[in-house]
Structures are given as C-alpha cells and as structure tokens.
C-alpha cells in the first residue's frame, strides 16, 4: 500500500473542511443521480476504496481525483469557481520583499 502524502492532522482546518465538503458533495450527488460506485470508479480509473476515502474527505486522495469526480457529477464549476485572472497573470517583475527579520538585518532575535 502506498504511503499517504498528507494526513488530516497536518492540514489546516480550512483545507480539511473543504475536502470534507467536496467528499460529502460527491457522495450525495452520486446517490441523487443514482450512479453506482462501480460506474464512477470505472470512469475515473480508481478503486472503490479510493472513492470511499474521497467521499469521507480523506486528504491522501489527490486533488485531481476530487476535481475529476466533481466534473463527472456535474458540480465542478459550483465547487471550484475559476480564479480571477489577476491572481495568476500579474506582472512577472513583482516580488515580495522580505522583512528585516527574514533578511537577517538588524538585531532582531528569533527567540
């Protein structure tokens, strides 16, 4: 069995809540649309165990798997609205300036 990359304990609460919400949505919509676990798994090329973990909001399932399931069930745009272009197409010359503490300037102590 492959090693899990992420554990729920190490994730920020907001991220874990979002994964749980996506999982509940996948489960609810699959049932409402009367789509079997086997059908979803076949379309996604994943195991039933993986789908069950996703439906529980498991962080070890890849983001691509969650997004693919949301797309298959017709909820992709509602669950993951597109980002505003200004977030990723900003001028490439802008850089974040480090604080004095991060640069190591001055007599700033860390502890």
PDB file of N, CA and C in Angstrom:
ATOM      1  N   UNK A   1       0.844  -1.173   0.000  1.00  0.00           N
ATOM      2  CA  UNK A   1       0.000   0.000   0.000  1.00  0.00           C
ATOM      3  C   UNK A   1       0.891   1.239   0.000  1.00  0.00           C
ATOM      4  N   UNK A   2       0.602   2.226  -0.905  1.00  0.00           N
ATOM      5  CA  UNK A   2       1.440   3.412  -0.969  1.00  0.00           C
ATOM      6  C   UNK A   2       1.313   4.274   0.278  1.00  0.00           C
ATOM      7  N   UNK A   3       2.393   4.971   0.569  1.00  0.00           N
ATOM      8  CA  UNK A   3       2.423   5.850   1.735  1.00  0.00           C
ATOM      9  C   UNK A   3       1.558   7.079   1.455  1.00  0.00           C
ATOM     10  N   UNK A   4       0.754   7.489   2.445  1.00  0.00           N
ATOM     11  CA  UNK A   4      -0.049   8.687   2.306  1.00  0.00           C
ATOM     12  C   UNK A   4       0.854   9.908   2.353  1.00  0.00           C
ATOM     13  N   UNK A   5       0.595  10.840   1.478  1.00  0.00           N
ATOM     14  CA  UNK A   5       1.392  12.050   1.439  1.00  0.00           C
ATOM     15  C   UNK A   5       0.944  13.060   2.486  1.00  0.00           C
ATOM     16  N   UNK A   6      -0.357  13.124   2.728  1.00  0.00           N
ATOM     17  CA  UNK A   6      -0.888  14.089   3.670  1.00  0.00           C
ATOM     18  C   UNK A   6      -1.741  13.385   4.718  1.00  0.00           C
ATOM     19  N   UNK A   7      -1.683  13.880   5.921  1.00  0.00           N
ATOM     20  CA  UNK A   7      -2.513  13.363   6.994  1.00  0.00           C
ATOM     21  C   UNK A   7      -3.421  14.485   7.470  1.00  0.00           C
ATOM     22  N   UNK A   8      -4.631  14.133   7.890  1.00  0.00           N
ATOM     23  CA  UNK A   8      -5.601  15.137   8.317  1.00  0.00           C
ATOM     24  C   UNK A   8      -5.059  16.006   9.446  1.00  0.00           C
ATOM     25  N   UNK A   9      -4.245  15.439  10.324  1.00  0.00           N
ATOM     26  CA  UNK A   9      -3.732  16.200  11.464  1.00  0.00           C
ATOM     27  C   UNK A   9      -2.807  17.334  11.039  1.00  0.00           C
ATOM     28  N   UNK A  10      -2.150  17.191   9.900  1.00  0.00           N
ATOM     29  CA  UNK A  10      -1.174  18.194   9.479  1.00  0.00           C
ATOM     30  C   UNK A  10      -1.774  19.267   8.578  1.00  0.00           C
ATOM     31  N   UNK A  11      -3.011  19.096   8.168  1.00  0.00           N
ATOM     32  CA  UNK A  11      -3.641  20.061   7.268  1.00  0.00           C
ATOM     33  C   UNK A  11      -4.274  21.205   8.048  1.00  0.00           C
ATOM     34  N   UNK A  12      -4.284  22.389   7.466  1.00  0.00           N
ATOM     35  CA  UNK A  12      -5.039  23.474   8.085  1.00  0.00           C
ATOM     36  C   UNK A  12      -6.526  23.098   8.143  1.00  0.00           C
ATOM     37  N   UNK A  13      -7.204  23.582   9.147  1.00  0.00           N
ATOM     38  CA  UNK A  13      -8.616  23.242   9.350  1.00  0.00           C
ATOM     39  C   UNK A  13      -9.456  23.594   8.135  1.00  0.00           C
ATOM     40  N   UNK A  14      -9.216  24.739   7.539  1.00  0.00           N
ATOM     41  CA  UNK A  14      -9.996  25.159   6.383  1.00  0.00           C
ATOM     42  C   UNK A  14      -9.843  24.181   5.220  1.00  0.00           C
ATOM     43  N   UNK A  15      -8.641  23.677   5.012  1.00  0.00           N
ATOM     44  CA  UNK A  15      -8.402  22.718   3.931  1.00  0.00           C
ATOM     45  C   UNK A  15      -9.144  21.415   4.214  1.00  0.00           C
ATOM     46  N   UNK A  16      -9.060  20.923   5.445  1.00  0.00           N
ATOM     47  CA  UNK A  16      -9.749  19.686   5.798  1.00  0.00           C
ATOM     48  C   UNK A  16     -11.267  19.850   5.665  1.00  0.00           C
ATOM     49  N   UNK A  17     -11.782  21.004   6.061  1.00  0.00           N
ATOM     50  CA  UNK A  17     -13.219  21.259   5.918  1.00  0.00           C
ATOM     51  C   UNK A  17     -13.627  21.254   4.450  1.00  0.00           C
ATOM     52  N   UNK A  18     -12.795  21.848   3.598  1.00  0.00           N
ATOM     53  CA  UNK A  18     -13.119  21.881   2.166  1.00  0.00           C
ATOM     54  C   UNK A  18     -13.105  20.479   1.573  1.00  0.00           C
ATOM     55  N   UNK A  19     -12.125  19.662   1.937  1.00  0.00           N
ATOM     56  CA  UNK A  19     -12.081  18.283   1.445  1.00  0.00           C
ATOM     57  C   UNK A  19     -13.294  17.490   1.918  1.00  0.00           C
ATOM     58  N   UNK A  20     -13.690  17.697   3.166  1.00  0.00           N
ATOM     59  CA  UNK A  20     -14.872  17.011   3.695  1.00  0.00           C
ATOM     60  C   UNK A  20     -16.128  17.436   2.944  1.00  0.00           C
ATOM     61  N   UNK A  21     -16.224  18.724   2.648  1.00  0.00           N
ATOM     62  CA  UNK A  21     -17.380  19.226   1.904  1.00  0.00           C
ATOM     63  C   UNK A  21     -17.415  18.638   0.499  1.00  0.00           C
ATOM     64  N   UNK A  22     -16.264  18.629  -0.166  1.00  0.00           N
ATOM     65  CA  UNK A  22     -16.202  18.021  -1.504  1.00  0.00           C
ATOM     66  C   UNK A  22     -16.600  16.556  -1.437  1.00  0.00           C
ATOM     67  N   UNK A  23     -16.101  15.845  -0.440  1.00  0.00           N
ATOM     68  CA  UNK A  23     -16.435  14.431  -0.300  1.00  0.00           C
ATOM     69  C   UNK A  23     -17.918  14.203  -0.091  1.00  0.00           C
ATOM     70  N   UNK A  24     -18.534  15.020   0.778  1.00  0.00           N
ATOM     71  CA  UNK A  24     -19.978  14.896   1.004  1.00  0.00           C
ATOM     72  C   UNK A  24     -20.749  15.203  -0.272  1.00  0.00           C
ATOM     73  N   UNK A  25     -20.307  16.213  -1.020  1.00  0.00           N
ATOM     74  CA  UNK A  25     -20.963  16.556  -2.284  1.00  0.00           C
ATOM     75  C   UNK A  25     -20.869  15.413  -3.287  1.00  0.00           C
ATOM     76  N   UNK A  26     -19.699  14.820  -3.390  1.00  0.00           N
ATOM     77  CA  UNK A  26     -19.515  13.697  -4.317  1.00  0.00           C
ATOM     78  C   UNK A  26     -20.442  12.560  -3.933  1.00  0.00           C
ATOM     79  N   UNK A  27     -20.484  12.231  -2.655  1.00  0.00           N
ATOM     80  CA  UNK A  27     -21.335  11.131  -2.177  1.00  0.00           C
ATOM     81  C   UNK A  27     -22.816  11.434  -2.420  1.00  0.00           C
ATOM     82  N   UNK A  28     -23.253  12.624  -2.031  1.00  0.00           N
ATOM     83  CA  UNK A  28     -24.664  12.996  -2.164  1.00  0.00           C
ATOM     84  C   UNK A  28     -25.101  13.032  -3.618  1.00  0.00           C
ATOM     85  N   UNK A  29     -24.313  13.656  -4.473  1.00  0.00           N
ATOM     86  CA  UNK A  29     -24.676  13.745  -5.887  1.00  0.00           C
ATOM     87  C   UNK A  29     -24.652  12.382  -6.575  1.00  0.00           C
ATOM     88  N   UNK A  30     -23.709  11.550  -6.177  1.00  0.00           N
ATOM     89  CA  UNK A  30     -23.661  10.201  -6.761  1.00  0.00           C
ATOM     90  C   UNK A  30     -24.955   9.451  -6.431  1.00  0.00           C
ATOM     91  N   UNK A  31     -25.405   9.574  -5.191  1.00  0.00           N
ATOM     92  CA  UNK A  31     -26.646   8.904  -4.793  1.00  0.00           C
ATOM     93  C   UNK A  31     -27.864   9.534  -5.462  1.00  0.00           C
ATOM     94  N   UNK A  32     -27.930  10.860  -5.500  1.00  0.00           N
ATOM     95  CA  UNK A  32     -29.064  11.548  -6.135  1.00  0.00           C
ATOM     96  C   UNK A  32     -29.182  11.204  -7.613  1.00  0.00           C
ATOM     97  N   UNK A  33     -28.062  11.070  -8.268  1.00  0.00           N
ATOM     98  CA  UNK A  33     -28.064  10.767  -9.697  1.00  0.00           C
ATOM     99  C   UNK A  33     -28.136   9.266  -9.978  1.00  0.00           C
ATOM    100  N   UNK A  34     -28.179   8.500  -8.890  1.00  0.00           N
ATOM    101  CA  UNK A  34     -28.257   7.034  -8.973  1.00  0.00           C
ATOM    102  C   UNK A  34     -27.114   6.444  -9.797  1.00  0.00           C
ATOM    103  N   UNK A  35     -25.914   6.941  -9.515  1.00  0.00           N
ATOM    104  CA  UNK A  35     -24.709   6.437 -10.171  1.00  0.00           C
ATOM    105  C   UNK A  35     -24.018   5.510  -9.184  1.00  0.00           C
ATOM    106  N   UNK A  36     -23.701   4.320  -9.614  1.00  0.00           N
ATOM    107  CA  UNK A  36     -23.075   3.350  -8.710  1.00  0.00           C
ATOM    108  C   UNK A  36     -21.606   3.677  -8.484  1.00  0.00           C
ATOM    109  N   UNK A  37     -21.092   3.151  -7.386  1.00  0.00           N
ATOM    110  CA  UNK A  37     -19.672   3.300  -7.073  1.00  0.00           C
ATOM    111  C   UNK A  37     -18.843   2.726  -8.215  1.00  0.00           C
ATOM    112  N   UNK A  38     -19.245   1.577  -8.711  1.00  0.00           N
ATOM    113  CA  UNK A  38     -18.505   0.908  -9.787  1.00  0.00           C
ATOM    114  C   UNK A  38     -18.440   1.783 -11.037  1.00  0.00           C
ATOM    115  N   UNK A  39     -19.541   2.464 -11.367  1.00  0.00           N
ATOM    116  CA  UNK A  39     -19.547   3.321 -12.560  1.00  0.00           C
ATOM    117  C   UNK A  39     -18.602   4.513 -12.421  1.00  0.00           C
ATOM    118  N   UNK A  40     -18.649   5.167 -11.254  1.00  0.00           N
ATOM    119  CA  UNK A  40     -17.756   6.308 -11.030  1.00  0.00           C
ATOM    120  C   UNK A  40     -16.303   5.849 -11.058  1.00  0.00           C
ATOM    121  N   UNK A  41     -16.030   4.726 -10.401  1.00  0.00           N
ATOM    122  CA  UNK A  41     -14.657   4.207 -10.355  1.00  0.00           C
ATOM    123  C   UNK A  41     -14.153   3.843 -11.750  1.00  0.00           C
ATOM    124  N   UNK A  42     -15.022   3.270 -12.558  1.00  0.00           N
ATOM    125  CA  UNK A  42     -14.617   2.907 -13.917  1.00  0.00           C
ATOM    126  C   UNK A  42     -14.298   4.152 -14.737  1.00  0.00           C
ATOM    127  N   UNK A  43     -15.105   5.199 -14.609  1.00  0.00           N
ATOM    128  CA  UNK A  43     -14.854   6.427 -15.367  1.00  0.00           C
ATOM    129  C   UNK A  43     -13.589   7.125 -14.922  1.00  0.00           C
ATOM    130  N   UNK A  44     -13.257   6.990 -13.624  1.00  0.00           N
ATOM    131  CA  UNK A  44     -12.084   7.677 -13.085  1.00  0.00           C
ATOM    132  C   UNK A  44     -10.839   6.801 -13.057  1.00  0.00           C
ATOM    133  N   UNK A  45     -11.002   5.523 -13.309  1.00  0.00           N
ATOM    134  CA  UNK A  45      -9.899   4.556 -13.229  1.00  0.00           C
ATOM    135  C   UNK A  45      -9.275   4.536 -11.840  1.00  0.00           C
ATOM    136  N   UNK A  46     -10.144   4.471 -10.811  1.00  0.00           N
ATOM    137  CA  UNK A  46      -9.693   4.368  -9.434  1.00  0.00           C
ATOM    138  C   UNK A  46     -10.381   3.174  -8.781  1.00  0.00           C
ATOM    139  N   UNK A  47      -9.902   2.787  -7.623  1.00  0.00           N
ATOM    140  CA  UNK A  47     -10.520   1.671  -6.908  1.00  0.00           C
ATOM    141  C   UNK A  47     -11.712   2.171  -6.097  1.00  0.00           C
ATOM    142  N   UNK A  48     -12.558   1.230  -5.699  1.00  0.00           N
ATOM    143  CA  UNK A  48     -13.704   1.588  -4.862  1.00  0.00           C
ATOM    144  C   UNK A  48     -13.239   2.114  -3.514  1.00  0.00           C
ATOM    145  N   UNK A  49     -12.154   1.572  -3.005  1.00  0.00           N
ATOM    146  CA  UNK A  49     -11.623   2.045  -1.720  1.00  0.00           C
ATOM    147  C   UNK A  49     -11.199   3.510  -1.816  1.00  0.00           C
ATOM    148  N   UNK A  50     -10.614   3.892  -2.935  1.00  0.00           N
ATOM    149  CA  UNK A  50     -10.209   5.287  -3.129  1.00  0.00           C
ATOM    150  C   UNK A  50     -11.420   6.200  -3.165  1.00  0.00           C
ATOM    151  N   UNK A  51     -12.468   5.790  -3.871  1.00  0.00           N
ATOM    152  CA  UNK A  51     -13.680   6.605  -3.925  1.00  0.00           C
ATOM    153  C   UNK A  51     -14.305   6.735  -2.542  1.00  0.00           C
ATOM    154  N   UNK A  52     -14.336   5.670  -1.796  1.00  0.00           N
ATOM    155  CA  UNK A  52     -14.896   5.717  -0.435  1.00  0.00           C
ATOM    156  C   UNK A  52     -14.089   6.685   0.441  1.00  0.00           C
ATOM    157  N   UNK A  53     -12.764   6.658   0.314  1.00  0.00           N
ATOM    158  CA  UNK A  53     -11.931   7.586   1.084  1.00  0.00           C
ATOM    159  C   UNK A  53     -12.200   9.029   0.664  1.00  0.00           C
ATOM    160  N   UNK A  54     -12.359   9.244  -0.637  1.00  0.00           N
ATOM    161  CA  UNK A  54     -12.663  10.585  -1.124  1.00  0.00           C
ATOM    162  C   UNK A  54     -13.984  11.080  -0.560  1.00  0.00           C
ATOM    163  N   UNK A  55     -14.975  10.215  -0.541  1.00  0.00           N
ATOM    164  CA  UNK A  55     -16.296  10.605  -0.043  1.00  0.00           C
ATOM    165  C   UNK A  55     -16.262  10.939   1.451  1.00  0.00           C
ATOM    166  N   UNK A  56     -15.235  10.482   2.137  1.00  0.00           N
ATOM    167  CA  UNK A  56     -15.061  10.815   3.559  1.00  0.00           C
ATOM    168  C   UNK A  56     -14.163  12.034   3.744  1.00  0.00           C
ATOM    169  N   UNK A  57     -13.637  12.585   2.656  1.00  0.00           N
ATOM    170  CA  UNK A  57     -12.788  13.773   2.743  1.00  0.00           C
ATOM    171  C   UNK A  57     -11.343  13.478   3.060  1.00  0.00           C
ATOM    172  N   UNK A  58     -10.873  12.296   2.711  1.00  0.00           N
ATOM    173  CA  UNK A  58      -9.502  11.891   3.006  1.00  0.00           C
ATOM    174  C   UNK A  58      -8.495  12.768   2.259  1.00  0.00           C
ATOM    175  N   UNK A  59      -7.531  13.286   3.001  1.00  0.00           N
ATOM    176  CA  UNK A  59      -6.516  14.156   2.416  1.00  0.00           C
ATOM    177  C   UNK A  59      -5.520  13.392   1.555  1.00  0.00           C
ATOM    178  N   UNK A  60      -5.438  12.080   1.724  1.00  0.00           N
ATOM    179  CA  UNK A  60      -4.488  11.275   0.963  1.00  0.00           C
ATOM    180  C   UNK A  60      -4.891  11.091  -0.491  1.00  0.00           C
ATOM    181  N   UNK A  61      -6.145  11.354  -0.807  1.00  0.00           N
ATOM    182  CA  UNK A  61      -6.592  11.281  -2.196  1.00  0.00           C
ATOM    183  C   UNK A  61      -6.126  12.540  -2.907  1.00  0.00           C
ATOM    184  N   UNK A  62      -5.698  12.392  -4.123  1.00  0.00           N
ATOM    185  CA  UNK A  62      -5.166  13.523  -4.865  1.00  0.00           C
ATOM    186  C   UNK A  62      -6.223  14.545  -5.235  1.00  0.00           C
ATOM    187  N   UNK A  63      -5.798  15.790  -5.355  1.00  0.00           N
ATOM    188  CA  UNK A  63      -6.709  16.865  -5.754  1.00  0.00           C
ATOM    189  C   UNK A  63      -7.303  16.572  -7.123  1.00  0.00           C
ATOM    190  N   UNK A  64      -6.513  15.972  -7.989  1.00  0.00           N
ATOM    191  CA  UNK A  64      -7.012  15.633  -9.323  1.00  0.00           C
ATOM    192  C   UNK A  64      -8.172  14.659  -9.267  1.00  0.00           C
ATOM    193  N   UNK A  65      -8.125  13.723  -8.332  1.00  0.00           N
ATOM    194  CA  UNK A  65      -9.216  12.758  -8.190  1.00  0.00           C
ATOM    195  C   UNK A  65     -10.487  13.455  -7.722  1.00  0.00           C
ATOM    196  N   UNK A  66     -10.363  14.346  -6.736  1.00  0.00           N
ATOM    197  CA  UNK A  66     -11.530  15.090  -6.276  1.00  0.00           C
ATOM    198  C   UNK A  66     -12.133  15.907  -7.412  1.00  0.00           C
ATOM    199  N   UNK A  67     -11.285  16.635  -8.124  1.00  0.00           N
ATOM    200  CA  UNK A  67     -11.769  17.501  -9.194  1.00  0.00           C
ATOM    201  C   UNK A  67     -12.390  16.702 -10.327  1.00  0.00           C
ATOM    202  N   UNK A  68     -11.824  15.545 -10.642  1.00  0.00           N
ATOM    203  CA  UNK A  68     -12.391  14.696 -11.693  1.00  0.00           C
ATOM    204  C   UNK A  68     -13.768  14.192 -11.281  1.00  0.00           C
ATOM    205  N   UNK A  69     -13.919  13.766 -10.034  1.00  0.00           N
ATOM    206  CA  UNK A  69     -15.215  13.298  -9.556  1.00  0.00           C
ATOM    207  C   UNK A  69     -16.247  14.422  -9.605  1.00  0.00           C
ATOM    208  N   UNK A  70     -15.848  15.625  -9.187  1.00  0.00           N
ATOM    209  CA  UNK A  70     -16.764  16.761  -9.247  1.00  0.00           C
ATOM    210  C   UNK A  70     -17.169  17.064 -10.683  1.00  0.00           C
ATOM    211  N   UNK A  71     -16.243  16.936 -11.619  1.00  0.00           N
ATOM    212  CA  UNK A  71     -16.533  17.158 -13.033  1.00  0.00           C
ATOM    213  C   UNK A  71     -17.494  16.101 -13.559  1.00  0.00           C
ATOM    214  N   UNK A  72     -17.249  14.849 -13.257  1.00  0.00           N
ATOM    215  CA  UNK A  72     -18.103  13.746 -13.724  1.00  0.00           C
ATOM    216  C   UNK A  72     -19.534  13.925 -13.229  1.00  0.00           C
ATOM    217  N   UNK A  73     -19.680  14.390 -11.985  1.00  0.00           N
ATOM    218  CA  UNK A  73     -21.007  14.532 -11.383  1.00  0.00           C
ATOM    219  C   UNK A  73     -21.662  15.884 -11.688  1.00  0.00           C
ATOM    220  N   UNK A  74     -20.991  16.731 -12.485  1.00  0.00           N
ATOM    221  CA  UNK A  74     -21.574  17.992 -12.918  1.00  0.00           C
ATOM    222  C   UNK A  74     -21.531  19.102 -11.885  1.00  0.00           C
ATOM    223  N   UNK A  75     -20.621  19.041 -10.931  1.00  0.00           N
ATOM    224  CA  UNK A  75     -20.541  20.047  -9.877  1.00  0.00           C
ATOM    225  C   UNK A  75     -19.240  20.830  -9.907  1.00  0.00           C
ATOM    226  N   UNK A  76     -18.446  20.646 -10.906  1.00  0.00           N
ATOM    227  CA  UNK A  76     -17.108  21.232 -10.955  1.00  0.00           C
ATOM    228  C   UNK A  76     -17.122  22.751 -10.801  1.00  0.00           C
ATOM    229  N   UNK A  77     -17.932  23.438 -11.617  1.00  0.00           N
ATOM    230  CA  UNK A  77     -17.935  24.904 -11.590  1.00  0.00           C
ATOM    231  C   UNK A  77     -18.497  25.467 -10.293  1.00  0.00           C
ATOM    232  N   UNK A  78     -19.448  24.771  -9.686  1.00  0.00           N
ATOM    233  CA  UNK A  78     -20.005  25.239  -8.416  1.00  0.00           C
ATOM    234  C   UNK A  78     -19.020  25.025  -7.266  1.00  0.00           C
ATOM    235  N   UNK A  79     -18.346  23.890  -7.267  1.00  0.00           N
ATOM    236  CA  UNK A  79     -17.435  23.557  -6.165  1.00  0.00           C
ATOM    237  C   UNK A  79     -16.101  24.266  -6.282  1.00  0.00           C
ATOM    238  N   UNK A  80     -15.672  24.532  -7.494  1.00  0.00           N
ATOM    239  CA  UNK A  80     -14.363  25.165  -7.700  1.00  0.00           C
ATOM    240  C   UNK A  80     -14.475  26.281  -8.733  1.00  0.00           C
ATOM    241  N   UNK A  81     -15.003  27.442  -8.327  1.00  0.00           N
ATOM    242  CA  UNK A  81     -15.113  28.535  -9.299  1.00  0.00           C
ATOM    243  C   UNK A  81     -13.733  28.951  -9.794  1.00  0.00           C
ATOM    244  N   UNK A  82     -13.665  29.402 -11.043  1.00  0.00           N
ATOM    245  CA  UNK A  82     -12.367  29.792 -11.596  1.00  0.00           C
ATOM    246  C   UNK A  82     -11.762  30.967 -10.826  1.00  0.00           C
ATOM    247  N   UNK A  83     -10.453  30.975 -10.744  1.00  0.00           N
ATOM    248  CA  UNK A  83      -9.734  32.069 -10.097  1.00  0.00           C
ATOM    249  C   UNK A  83      -9.736  33.293 -11.007  1.00  0.00           C
ATOM    250  N   UNK A  84      -9.728  34.453 -10.388  1.00  0.00           N
ATOM    251  CA  UNK A  84      -9.654  35.694 -11.154  1.00  0.00           C
ATOM    252  C   UNK A  84      -8.296  35.747 -11.855  1.00  0.00           C
ATOM    253  N   UNK A  85      -8.272  36.132 -13.119  1.00  0.00           N
ATOM    254  CA  UNK A  85      -7.004  36.186 -13.855  1.00  0.00           C
ATOM    255  C   UNK A  85      -5.943  37.055 -13.190  1.00  0.00           C
ATOM    256  N   UNK A  86      -6.344  38.036 -12.414  1.00  0.00           N
ATOM    257  CA  UNK A  86      -5.357  38.898 -11.759  1.00  0.00           C
ATOM    258  C   UNK A  86      -4.527  38.136 -10.737  1.00  0.00           C
ATOM    259  N   UNK A  87      -5.011  36.992 -10.267  1.00  0.00           N
ATOM    260  CA  UNK A  87      -4.268  36.210  -9.284  1.00  0.00           C
ATOM    261  C   UNK A  87      -3.087  35.468  -9.899  1.00  0.00           C
ATOM    262  N   UNK A  88      -3.160  35.153 -11.180  1.00  0.00           N
ATOM    263  CA  UNK A  88      -2.077  34.377 -11.788  1.00  0.00           C
ATOM    264  C   UNK A  88      -1.440  35.047 -12.985  1.00  0.00           C
ATOM    265  N   UNK A  89      -1.998  36.160 -13.454  1.00  0.00           N
ATOM    266  CA  UNK A  89      -1.410  36.797 -14.636  1.00  0.00           C
ATOM    267  C   UNK A  89      -0.831  38.174 -14.311  1.00  0.00           C
ATOM    268  N   UNK A  90      -0.420  38.360 -13.080  1.00  0.00           N
ATOM    269  CA  UNK A  90       0.147  39.631 -12.664  1.00  0.00           C
ATOM    270  C   UNK A  90       1.511  39.827 -13.327  1.00  0.00           C
ATOM    271  N   UNK A  91       2.004  41.043 -13.254  1.00  0.00           N
ATOM    272  CA  UNK A  91       3.310  41.357 -13.834  1.00  0.00           C
ATOM    273  C   UNK A  91       4.378  40.444 -13.237  1.00  0.00           C
ATOM    274  N   UNK A  92       5.198  39.817 -14.074  1.00  0.00           N
ATOM    275  CA  UNK A  92       6.202  38.884 -13.561  1.00  0.00           C
ATOM    276  C   UNK A  92       7.312  39.550 -12.759  1.00  0.00           C
ATOM    277  N   UNK A  93       7.413  40.869 -12.804  1.00  0.00           N
ATOM    278  CA  UNK A  93       8.502  41.557 -12.114  1.00  0.00           C
ATOM    279  C   UNK A  93       8.204  41.818 -10.648  1.00  0.00           C
ATOM    280  N   UNK A  94       6.980  41.633 -10.229  1.00  0.00           N
ATOM    281  CA  UNK A  94       6.631  41.899  -8.834  1.00  0.00           C
ATOM    282  C   UNK A  94       7.143  40.773  -7.954  1.00  0.00           C
ATOM    283  N   UNK A  95       7.814  41.170  -6.892  1.00  0.00           N
ATOM    284  CA  UNK A  95       8.327  40.190  -5.944  1.00  0.00           C
ATOM    285  C   UNK A  95       7.963  40.644  -4.547  1.00  0.00           C
ATOM    286  N   UNK A  96       7.815  39.705  -3.683  1.00  0.00           N
ATOM    287  CA  UNK A  96       7.536  40.022  -2.299  1.00  0.00           C
ATOM    288  C   UNK A  96       8.838  40.389  -1.623  1.00  0.00           C
ATOM    289  N   UNK A  97       8.835  41.499  -0.899  1.00  0.00           N
ATOM    290  CA  UNK A  97      10.030  41.903  -0.180  1.00  0.00           C
ATOM    291  C   UNK A  97      10.063  41.198   1.166  1.00  0.00           C
ATOM    292  N   UNK A  98      11.218  40.727   1.523  1.00  0.00           N
ATOM    293  CA  UNK A  98      11.390  40.077   2.815  1.00  0.00           C
ATOM    294  C   UNK A  98      11.462  41.116   3.927  1.00  0.00           C
ATOM    295  N   UNK A  99      10.950  40.762   5.083  1.00  0.00           N
ATOM    296  CA  UNK A  99      11.040  41.666   6.228  1.00  0.00           C
ATOM    297  C   UNK A  99      12.478  41.679   6.739  1.00  0.00           C
ATOM    298  N   UNK A 100      12.769  42.632   7.617  1.00  0.00           N
ATOM    299  CA  UNK A 100      14.111  42.699   8.197  1.00  0.00           C
ATOM    300  C   UNK A 100      14.438  41.405   8.931  1.00  0.00           C
ATOM    301  N   UNK A 101      13.449  40.870   9.608  1.00  0.00           N
ATOM    302  CA  UNK A 101      13.663  39.630  10.366  1.00  0.00           C
ATOM    303  C   UNK A 101      14.008  38.485   9.411  1.00  0.00           C
ATOM    304  N   UNK A 102      13.302  38.398   8.306  1.00  0.00           N
ATOM    305  CA  UNK A 102      13.560  37.325   7.345  1.00  0.00           C
ATOM    306  C   UNK A 102      14.897  37.500   6.629  1.00  0.00           C
ATOM    307  N   UNK A 103      15.297  38.768   6.400  1.00  0.00           N
ATOM    308  CA  UNK A 103      16.573  39.022   5.745  1.00  0.00           C
ATOM    309  C   UNK A 103      17.738  38.844   6.697  1.00  0.00           C
ATOM    310  N   UNK A 104      17.466  38.945   7.981  1.00  0.00           N
ATOM    311  CA  UNK A 104      18.540  38.838   8.960  1.00  0.00           C
ATOM    312  C   UNK A 104      19.190  40.181   9.260  1.00  0.00           C
ATOM    313  N   UNK A 105      18.565  41.274   8.823  1.00  0.00           N
ATOM    314  CA  UNK A 105      19.088  42.609   9.083  1.00  0.00           C
ATOM    315  C   UNK A 105      18.822  43.016  10.525  1.00  0.00           C
ATOM    316  N   UNK A 106      19.685  43.794  11.094  1.00  0.00           N
ATOM    317  CA  UNK A 106      19.466  44.361  12.408  1.00  0.00           C
ATOM    318  C   UNK A 106      19.693  43.365  13.530  1.00  0.00           C
ATOM    319  N   UNK A 107      19.284  43.788  14.691  1.00  0.00           N
ATOM    320  CA  UNK A 107      19.459  42.972  15.890  1.00  0.00           C
ATOM    321  C   UNK A 107      18.180  42.239  16.250  1.00  0.00           C
ATOM    322  N   UNK A 108      17.475  41.721  15.297  1.00  0.00           N
ATOM    323  CA  UNK A 108      16.220  41.028  15.556  1.00  0.00           C
ATOM    324  C   UNK A 108      16.523  39.612  16.022  1.00  0.00           C
ATOM    325  N   UNK A 109      15.936  39.244  17.149  1.00  0.00           N
ATOM    326  CA  UNK A 109      16.125  37.883  17.669  1.00  0.00           C
ATOM    327  C   UNK A 109      14.884  37.058  17.348  1.00  0.00           C
ATOM    328  N   UNK A 110      15.129  35.821  17.025  1.00  0.00           N
ATOM    329  CA  UNK A 110      14.022  34.935  16.707  1.00  0.00           C
ATOM    330  C   UNK A 110      13.359  34.379  17.955  1.00  0.00           C
ATOM    331  N   UNK A 111      14.118  34.191  19.036  1.00  0.00           N
ATOM    332  CA  UNK A 111      13.548  33.559  20.213  1.00  0.00           C
ATOM    333  C   UNK A 111      13.676  34.423  21.423  1.00  0.00           C
TER     334      UNK A 111
END
